[in-house]
Amino acid sequence: MHLTVRSNHAMRLMMYCAMKRGQIAPVSEIARACNMSEAHLAKIANRLATAGFVQTVRGRAGGVRLAQAPEDIRVGDVVRTTEMGICLIECLDLDTNTCPLVTACKLRGVVQRALRAFLAVLDDCTLADLIDDGDDLRALMGLGADTPMPGPGA
């Protein structure tokens, strides 16, 4: 199984925002900390905002912040959003399938079961799980331990 760079970058963005604890993070800051292109990251942030995972704020003090609590964001949901219809083999998409074996081949069913199992594991993991006890992660992202917790309503 191979996820696209989009999913990898989306999870980096989400982890960074979770570590910022409700503060707005400029796209340039996230891109620098997570070794990503700003342009690519902006596209991913827009997709995540459309799906309701993050909020984007325009303007000079703008950026990205989580729209939900980290414990409410399932990794499987983010991957489903960023992978835009996971299709591991051609015959899983009956609209574009050209395989002549599709009506008799059992590979399709096996791959569908494997994909469901893969996503079930990701669904058992939340964003909070990924950043739990994240001192090493905070240091790698250049975030100090003193990043404030969000206040009420944040």
C-alpha atoms as a PDB file:
ATOM      1  CA  MET A   1       0.000   0.000   0.000  1.00  0.00           C
ATOM      2  CA  HIS A   2       1.320   3.413  -0.861  1.00  0.00           C
ATOM      3  CA  LEU A   3      -0.324   6.653   0.180  1.00  0.00           C
ATOM      4  CA  THR A   4       0.329   9.767  -1.847  1.00  0.00           C
ATOM      5  CA  VAL A   5       2.548  12.627  -0.728  1.00  0.00           C
ATOM      6  CA  ARG A   6      -0.700  14.568  -0.257  1.00  0.00           C
ATOM      7  CA  SER A   7      -1.736  12.321   2.647  1.00  0.00           C
ATOM      8  CA  ASN A   8       1.713  12.460   4.206  1.00  0.00           C
ATOM      9  CA  HIS A   9       1.783  16.259   4.014  1.00  0.00           C
ATOM     10  CA  ALA A  10      -1.794  16.521   5.272  1.00  0.00           C
ATOM     11  CA  MET A  11      -0.909  14.544   8.377  1.00  0.00           C
ATOM     12  CA  ARG A  12       2.219  16.665   8.960  1.00  0.00           C
ATOM     13  CA  LEU A  13       0.085  19.817   8.686  1.00  0.00           C
ATOM     14  CA  MET A  14      -2.493  18.388  11.081  1.00  0.00           C
ATOM     15  CA  MET A  15       0.137  17.301  13.627  1.00  0.00           C
ATOM     16  CA  TYR A  16       1.798  20.720  13.466  1.00  0.00           C
ATOM     17  CA  CYS A  17      -1.517  22.483  14.021  1.00  0.00           C
ATOM     18  CA  ALA A  18      -2.349  20.147  16.904  1.00  0.00           C
ATOM     19  CA  MET A  19       1.010  20.921  18.499  1.00  0.00           C
ATOM     20  CA  LYS A  20       0.250  24.664  18.164  1.00  0.00           C
ATOM     21  CA  ARG A  21      -2.680  24.077  20.530  1.00  0.00           C
ATOM     22  CA  GLY A  22      -5.269  26.242  18.817  1.00  0.00           C
ATOM     23  CA  GLN A  23      -2.985  29.028  17.645  1.00  0.00           C
ATOM     24  CA  ILE A  24      -3.037  30.038  13.995  1.00  0.00           C
ATOM     25  CA  ALA A  25       0.020  28.695  12.180  1.00  0.00           C
ATOM     26  CA  PRO A  26       1.165  30.526   9.038  1.00  0.00           C
ATOM     27  CA  VAL A  27       1.483  28.222   6.011  1.00  0.00           C
ATOM     28  CA  SER A  28       5.086  29.375   5.552  1.00  0.00           C
ATOM     29  CA  GLU A  29       5.897  28.314   9.135  1.00  0.00           C
ATOM     30  CA  ILE A  30       4.336  24.872   8.679  1.00  0.00           C
ATOM     31  CA  ALA A  31       6.055  24.386   5.325  1.00  0.00           C
ATOM     32  CA  ARG A  32       9.440  25.279   6.796  1.00  0.00           C
ATOM     33  CA  ALA A  33       9.016  23.107   9.896  1.00  0.00           C
ATOM     34  CA  CYS A  34       7.721  20.101   7.956  1.00  0.00           C
ATOM     35  CA  ASN A  35       9.914  20.411   4.833  1.00  0.00           C
ATOM     36  CA  MET A  36       7.098  21.026   2.346  1.00  0.00           C
ATOM     37  CA  SER A  37       6.381  23.382  -0.534  1.00  0.00           C
ATOM     38  CA  GLU A  38       4.203  26.317   0.541  1.00  0.00           C
ATOM     39  CA  ALA A  39       2.156  26.141  -2.659  1.00  0.00           C
ATOM     40  CA  HIS A  40       1.477  22.428  -2.247  1.00  0.00           C
ATOM     41  CA  LEU A  41       0.712  22.880   1.441  1.00  0.00           C
ATOM     42  CA  ALA A  42      -1.783  25.673   0.693  1.00  0.00           C
ATOM     43  CA  LYS A  43      -3.704  23.341  -1.640  1.00  0.00           C
ATOM     44  CA  ILE A  44      -3.757  20.634   1.018  1.00  0.00           C
ATOM     45  CA  ALA A  45      -4.888  23.123   3.667  1.00  0.00           C
ATOM     46  CA  ASN A  46      -7.783  24.205   1.440  1.00  0.00           C
ATOM     47  CA  ARG A  47      -8.850  20.596   0.922  1.00  0.00           C
ATOM     48  CA  LEU A  48      -8.680  19.922   4.676  1.00  0.00           C
ATOM     49  CA  ALA A  49     -10.655  23.121   5.341  1.00  0.00           C
ATOM     50  CA  THR A  50     -13.360  22.074   2.870  1.00  0.00           C
ATOM     51  CA  ALA A  51     -13.594  18.752   4.724  1.00  0.00           C
ATOM     52  CA  GLY A  52     -13.885  20.568   8.070  1.00  0.00           C
ATOM     53  CA  PHE A  53     -10.607  19.425   9.628  1.00  0.00           C
ATOM     54  CA  VAL A  54      -8.939  22.841   9.686  1.00  0.00           C
ATOM     55  CA  GLN A  55      -9.891  26.485   9.507  1.00  0.00           C
ATOM     56  CA  THR A  56      -7.996  28.841   7.257  1.00  0.00           C
ATOM     57  CA  VAL A  57      -7.587  32.492   8.161  1.00  0.00           C
ATOM     58  CA  ARG A  58      -6.701  35.022   5.459  1.00  0.00           C
ATOM     59  CA  GLY A  59      -4.616  38.122   5.826  1.00  0.00           C
ATOM     60  CA  ARG A  60      -1.324  39.178   7.285  1.00  0.00           C
ATOM     61  CA  ALA A  61      -1.850  37.279  10.530  1.00  0.00           C
ATOM     62  CA  GLY A  62      -3.514  34.389   8.691  1.00  0.00           C
ATOM     63  CA  GLY A  63      -2.750  30.733   8.507  1.00  0.00           C
ATOM     64  CA  VAL A  64      -4.266  27.442   9.549  1.00  0.00           C
ATOM     65  CA  ARG A  65      -5.584  25.962  12.801  1.00  0.00           C
ATOM     66  CA  LEU A  66      -7.531  22.844  13.678  1.00  0.00           C
ATOM     67  CA  ALA A  67     -11.299  23.092  13.377  1.00  0.00           C
ATOM     68  CA  GLN A  68     -11.829  20.100  15.668  1.00  0.00           C
ATOM     69  CA  ALA A  69     -10.182  18.727  18.782  1.00  0.00           C
ATOM     70  CA  PRO A  70      -7.288  16.358  17.973  1.00  0.00           C
ATOM     71  CA  GLU A  71      -9.064  13.507  19.746  1.00  0.00           C
ATOM     72  CA  ASP A  72     -12.029  13.913  17.369  1.00  0.00           C
ATOM     73  CA  ILE A  73      -9.985  13.656  14.169  1.00  0.00           C
ATOM     74  CA  ARG A  74      -9.533  10.099  12.901  1.00  0.00           C
ATOM     75  CA  VAL A  75      -6.491   9.451  10.733  1.00  0.00           C
ATOM     76  CA  GLY A  76      -8.599   7.234   8.458  1.00  0.00           C
ATOM     77  CA  ASP A  77     -10.960  10.124   7.739  1.00  0.00           C
ATOM     78  CA  VAL A  78      -8.068  12.394   6.790  1.00  0.00           C
ATOM     79  CA  VAL A  79      -6.609   9.721   4.495  1.00  0.00           C
ATOM     80  CA  ARG A  80      -9.986   9.162   2.820  1.00  0.00           C
ATOM     81  CA  THR A  81     -10.199  12.920   2.222  1.00  0.00           C
ATOM     82  CA  THR A  82      -6.706  13.310   0.836  1.00  0.00           C
ATOM     83  CA  GLU A  83      -6.635  10.144  -1.240  1.00  0.00           C
ATOM     84  CA  MET A  84      -9.880  11.114  -3.028  1.00  0.00           C
ATOM     85  CA  GLY A  85     -11.291   7.658  -3.622  1.00  0.00           C
ATOM     86  CA  ILE A  86      -8.627   5.101  -2.822  1.00  0.00           C
ATOM     87  CA  CYS A  87      -8.360   2.721  -5.741  1.00  0.00           C
ATOM     88  CA  LEU A  88      -5.583   0.194  -5.237  1.00  0.00           C
ATOM     89  CA  ILE A  89      -6.262  -1.717  -8.419  1.00  0.00           C
ATOM     90  CA  GLU A  90      -8.085  -0.843 -11.600  1.00  0.00           C
ATOM     91  CA  CYS A  91     -11.076  -3.115 -11.076  1.00  0.00           C
ATOM     92  CA  LEU A  92     -12.116  -1.372  -7.868  1.00  0.00           C
ATOM     93  CA  ASP A  93     -13.374   1.513  -9.990  1.00  0.00           C
ATOM     94  CA  LEU A  94     -16.009  -0.049 -12.211  1.00  0.00           C
ATOM     95  CA  ASP A  95     -16.438   3.214 -14.144  1.00  0.00           C
ATOM     96  CA  THR A  96     -12.874   3.138 -15.478  1.00  0.00           C
ATOM     97  CA  ASN A  97     -12.124  -0.584 -15.298  1.00  0.00           C
ATOM     98  CA  THR A  98     -10.818  -2.186 -18.488  1.00  0.00           C
ATOM     99  CA  CYS A  99      -9.856  -5.570 -17.019  1.00  0.00           C
ATOM    100  CA  PRO A 100     -11.667  -8.359 -18.853  1.00  0.00           C
ATOM    101  CA  LEU A 101     -11.394 -10.654 -15.812  1.00  0.00           C
ATOM    102  CA  VAL A 102     -13.434  -8.523 -13.427  1.00  0.00           C
ATOM    103  CA  THR A 103     -16.545 -10.718 -13.445  1.00  0.00           C
ATOM    104  CA  ALA A 104     -14.678 -13.893 -12.441  1.00  0.00           C
ATOM    105  CA  CYS A 105     -11.464 -12.730 -10.732  1.00  0.00           C
ATOM    106  CA  LYS A 106     -11.339 -12.976  -6.946  1.00  0.00           C
ATOM    107  CA  LEU A 107      -8.479 -10.509  -6.550  1.00  0.00           C
ATOM    108  CA  ARG A 108     -10.928  -7.611  -6.403  1.00  0.00           C
ATOM    109  CA  GLY A 109     -12.637  -8.980  -3.283  1.00  0.00           C
ATOM    110  CA  VAL A 110      -9.339  -9.719  -1.574  1.00  0.00           C
ATOM    111  CA  VAL A 111      -8.035  -6.205  -2.234  1.00  0.00           C
ATOM    112  CA  GLN A 112     -11.313  -4.661  -1.034  1.00  0.00           C
ATOM    113  CA  ARG A 113     -11.030  -6.600   2.245  1.00  0.00           C
ATOM    114  CA  ALA A 114      -7.393  -5.562   2.630  1.00  0.00           C
ATOM    115  CA  LEU A 115      -8.276  -1.898   2.042  1.00  0.00           C
ATOM    116  CA  ARG A 116     -11.082  -2.078   4.616  1.00  0.00           C
ATOM    117  CA  ALA A 117      -8.647  -3.603   7.148  1.00  0.00           C
ATOM    118  CA  PHE A 118      -6.028  -0.928   6.386  1.00  0.00           C
ATOM    119  CA  LEU A 119      -8.542   1.887   6.870  1.00  0.00           C
ATOM    120  CA  ALA A 120      -9.913   0.234  10.037  1.00  0.00           C
ATOM    121  CA  VAL A 121      -6.447   0.475  11.609  1.00  0.00           C
ATOM    122  CA  LEU A 122      -6.220   4.154  10.616  1.00  0.00           C
ATOM    123  CA  ASP A 123      -9.729   4.726  12.000  1.00  0.00           C
ATOM    124  CA  ASP A 124      -8.548   3.421  15.382  1.00  0.00           C
ATOM    125  CA  CYS A 125      -5.968   6.208  15.542  1.00  0.00           C
ATOM    126  CA  THR A 126      -6.725   9.862  16.245  1.00  0.00           C
ATOM    127  CA  LEU A 127      -4.618  12.937  15.689  1.00  0.00           C
ATOM    128  CA  ALA A 128      -4.269  13.126  19.480  1.00  0.00           C
ATOM    129  CA  ASP A 129      -2.688   9.649  19.451  1.00  0.00           C
ATOM    130  CA  LEU A 130      -0.078  10.853  16.955  1.00  0.00           C
ATOM    131  CA  ILE A 131       1.027  13.774  19.106  1.00  0.00           C
ATOM    132  CA  ASP A 132       0.631  12.163  22.532  1.00  0.00           C
ATOM    133  CA  ASP A 133       3.764  12.673  24.623  1.00  0.00           C
ATOM    134  CA  GLY A 134       5.116  14.741  21.755  1.00  0.00           C
ATOM    135  CA  ASP A 135       8.160  16.471  23.260  1.00  0.00           C
ATOM    136  CA  ASP A 136      10.455  14.968  20.612  1.00  0.00           C
ATOM    137  CA  LEU A 137       7.979  15.898  17.895  1.00  0.00           C
ATOM    138  CA  ARG A 138       7.706  19.445  19.262  1.00  0.00           C
ATOM    139  CA  ALA A 139      11.479  19.803  19.183  1.00  0.00           C
ATOM    140  CA  LEU A 140      11.718  18.487  15.606  1.00  0.00           C
ATOM    141  CA  MET A 141       9.046  20.970  14.522  1.00  0.00           C
ATOM    142  CA  GLY A 142      10.812  23.846  16.255  1.00  0.00           C
ATOM    143  CA  LEU A 143       7.995  24.365  18.720  1.00  0.00           C
ATOM    144  CA  GLY A 144       8.857  25.191  22.305  1.00  0.00           C
ATOM    145  CA  ALA A 145       7.257  23.458  25.250  1.00  0.00           C
ATOM    146  CA  ASP A 146       5.823  26.840  26.201  1.00  0.00           C
ATOM    147  CA  THR A 147       3.358  27.021  23.294  1.00  0.00           C
ATOM    148  CA  PRO A 148       0.234  28.121  25.190  1.00  0.00           C
ATOM    149  CA  MET A 149      -2.862  26.028  25.547  1.00  0.00           C
ATOM    150  CA  PRO A 150      -5.933  27.520  23.879  1.00  0.00           C
ATOM    151  CA  GLY A 151      -8.304  29.466  26.076  1.00  0.00           C
ATOM    152  CA  PRO A 152     -12.033  28.813  26.429  1.00  0.00           C
ATOM    153  CA  GLY A 153     -13.833  28.759  23.097  1.00  0.00           C
ATOM    154  CA  ALA A 154     -10.601  28.343  21.111  1.00  0.00           C
END
